[in-house]
């Protein structure tokens, strides 16, 4: 993703709402925007850098 691995970890350490696609804290129980309870973790980039 980026140049710095620490920054990449912080950017990818969020939960995404399945209804409105809003970024939420990892500790969130429900979406901060719409209140939906079903959140998923943000996908990690699995590409190999050359």
N, C-alpha and C. Protein backbone atom coordinates (compact mmCIF):
# COMPACT_ATOMS: atom_id res chain seq x y z
N UNK A 1 0.83 -1.17 0.00
CA UNK A 1 0.00 0.00 0.00
C UNK A 1 0.88 1.25 0.00
N UNK A 2 1.38 1.63 1.15
CA UNK A 2 2.13 2.87 1.24
C UNK A 2 3.59 2.63 1.50
N UNK A 3 4.24 3.71 1.87
CA UNK A 3 5.67 3.68 2.09
C UNK A 3 6.03 3.19 3.48
N UNK A 4 5.19 3.49 4.46
CA UNK A 4 5.49 3.18 5.85
C UNK A 4 4.55 2.10 6.36
N UNK A 5 5.11 1.04 6.92
CA UNK A 5 4.29 -0.08 7.38
C UNK A 5 3.44 0.29 8.59
N UNK A 6 3.94 1.16 9.45
CA UNK A 6 3.16 1.58 10.64
C UNK A 6 1.92 2.34 10.20
N UNK A 7 2.06 3.22 9.22
CA UNK A 7 0.90 3.97 8.72
C UNK A 7 -0.10 3.04 8.06
N UNK A 8 0.37 2.04 7.33
CA UNK A 8 -0.53 1.07 6.69
C UNK A 8 -1.34 0.31 7.72
N UNK A 9 -0.72 -0.06 8.83
CA UNK A 9 -1.45 -0.77 9.88
C UNK A 9 -2.55 0.10 10.47
N UNK A 10 -2.27 1.38 10.69
CA UNK A 10 -3.27 2.28 11.26
C UNK A 10 -4.41 2.52 10.28
N UNK A 11 -4.13 2.65 9.00
CA UNK A 11 -5.17 2.88 8.01
C UNK A 11 -6.05 1.65 7.83
N UNK A 12 -5.48 0.47 7.99
CA UNK A 12 -6.23 -0.76 7.77
C UNK A 12 -6.89 -1.27 9.06
N UNK A 13 -6.68 -0.60 10.16
CA UNK A 13 -7.20 -1.05 11.45
C UNK A 13 -8.55 -0.39 11.73
N UNK A 14 -9.52 -0.62 10.83
CA UNK A 14 -10.86 -0.04 10.99
C UNK A 14 -11.91 -1.08 10.65
N UNK A 15 -13.14 -0.81 11.06
CA UNK A 15 -14.28 -1.64 10.70
C UNK A 15 -15.12 -0.86 9.68
N UNK A 16 -15.69 -1.57 8.71
CA UNK A 16 -16.49 -0.96 7.66
C UNK A 16 -17.94 -1.40 7.84
N UNK A 17 -18.85 -0.44 7.76
CA UNK A 17 -20.28 -0.75 7.87
C UNK A 17 -20.73 -1.45 6.59
N UNK A 18 -21.50 -2.50 6.74
CA UNK A 18 -21.98 -3.25 5.58
C UNK A 18 -23.12 -2.53 4.86
N UNK A 19 -23.77 -1.59 5.50
CA UNK A 19 -24.88 -0.88 4.88
C UNK A 19 -24.42 0.39 4.16
N UNK A 20 -23.66 1.27 4.86
CA UNK A 20 -23.33 2.57 4.29
C UNK A 20 -21.84 2.75 3.97
N UNK A 21 -21.03 1.72 4.21
CA UNK A 21 -19.59 1.72 3.90
C UNK A 21 -18.78 2.77 4.65
N UNK A 22 -19.24 3.16 5.83
CA UNK A 22 -18.54 4.14 6.65
C UNK A 22 -17.42 3.47 7.44
N UNK A 23 -16.31 4.19 7.63
CA UNK A 23 -15.21 3.70 8.45
C UNK A 23 -15.53 3.96 9.91
N UNK A 24 -15.33 2.94 10.74
CA UNK A 24 -15.59 3.03 12.17
C UNK A 24 -14.37 2.55 12.93
N UNK A 25 -14.33 2.84 14.23
CA UNK A 25 -13.25 2.34 15.07
C UNK A 25 -13.31 0.82 15.16
N UNK A 26 -12.19 0.23 15.47
CA UNK A 26 -12.12 -1.23 15.58
C UNK A 26 -12.98 -1.73 16.75
N UNK A 27 -13.17 -0.91 17.77
CA UNK A 27 -13.92 -1.31 18.95
C UNK A 27 -15.41 -0.98 18.85
N UNK A 28 -15.86 -0.46 17.73
CA UNK A 28 -17.26 -0.03 17.59
C UNK A 28 -18.21 -1.23 17.57
N UNK A 29 -19.36 -1.06 18.23
CA UNK A 29 -20.40 -2.08 18.22
C UNK A 29 -21.41 -1.85 17.11
N UNK A 30 -21.58 -0.58 16.73
CA UNK A 30 -22.51 -0.23 15.66
C UNK A 30 -21.94 0.94 14.87
N UNK A 31 -22.48 1.18 13.70
CA UNK A 31 -21.99 2.23 12.82
C UNK A 31 -22.24 3.61 13.43
N UNK A 32 -21.27 4.49 13.31
CA UNK A 32 -21.40 5.84 13.87
C UNK A 32 -22.32 6.71 13.03
N UNK A 33 -22.55 6.33 11.77
CA UNK A 33 -23.36 7.16 10.87
C UNK A 33 -24.81 6.71 10.80
N UNK A 34 -25.03 5.41 10.60
CA UNK A 34 -26.41 4.94 10.41
C UNK A 34 -26.92 4.05 11.54
N UNK A 35 -26.03 3.60 12.44
CA UNK A 35 -26.45 2.79 13.57
C UNK A 35 -26.60 1.31 13.28
N UNK A 36 -26.21 0.88 12.09
CA UNK A 36 -26.30 -0.52 11.71
C UNK A 36 -25.33 -1.35 12.55
N UNK A 37 -25.74 -2.55 12.95
CA UNK A 37 -24.94 -3.35 13.88
C UNK A 37 -23.93 -4.29 13.20
N UNK A 38 -24.06 -4.52 11.91
CA UNK A 38 -23.19 -5.48 11.24
C UNK A 38 -22.02 -4.76 10.57
N UNK A 39 -20.83 -4.94 11.16
CA UNK A 39 -19.61 -4.33 10.66
C UNK A 39 -18.64 -5.43 10.25
N UNK A 40 -17.77 -5.11 9.32
CA UNK A 40 -16.74 -6.05 8.89
C UNK A 40 -15.39 -5.36 8.99
N UNK A 41 -14.31 -6.14 9.22
CA UNK A 41 -12.98 -5.52 9.22
C UNK A 41 -12.56 -5.13 7.80
N UNK A 42 -11.80 -4.07 7.68
CA UNK A 42 -11.30 -3.64 6.37
C UNK A 42 -10.37 -4.70 5.82
N UNK A 43 -10.47 -4.96 4.53
CA UNK A 43 -9.62 -5.97 3.90
C UNK A 43 -8.17 -5.54 3.89
N UNK A 44 -7.30 -6.48 4.13
CA UNK A 44 -5.86 -6.21 4.11
C UNK A 44 -5.32 -6.43 2.70
N UNK A 45 -4.33 -5.65 2.32
CA UNK A 45 -3.72 -5.78 1.00
C UNK A 45 -2.77 -6.97 1.01
N UNK A 46 -3.03 -7.96 0.17
CA UNK A 46 -2.22 -9.18 0.18
C UNK A 46 -1.27 -9.25 -1.01
N UNK A 47 -1.16 -8.17 -1.78
CA UNK A 47 -0.26 -8.18 -2.93
C UNK A 47 1.20 -8.19 -2.48
N UNK A 48 2.04 -8.85 -3.23
CA UNK A 48 3.46 -8.93 -2.92
C UNK A 48 4.17 -7.80 -3.64
N UNK A 49 4.98 -7.04 -2.90
CA UNK A 49 5.72 -5.92 -3.48
C UNK A 49 6.97 -6.45 -4.15
N UNK A 50 7.31 -5.87 -5.27
CA UNK A 50 8.54 -6.28 -5.98
C UNK A 50 9.58 -5.20 -5.90
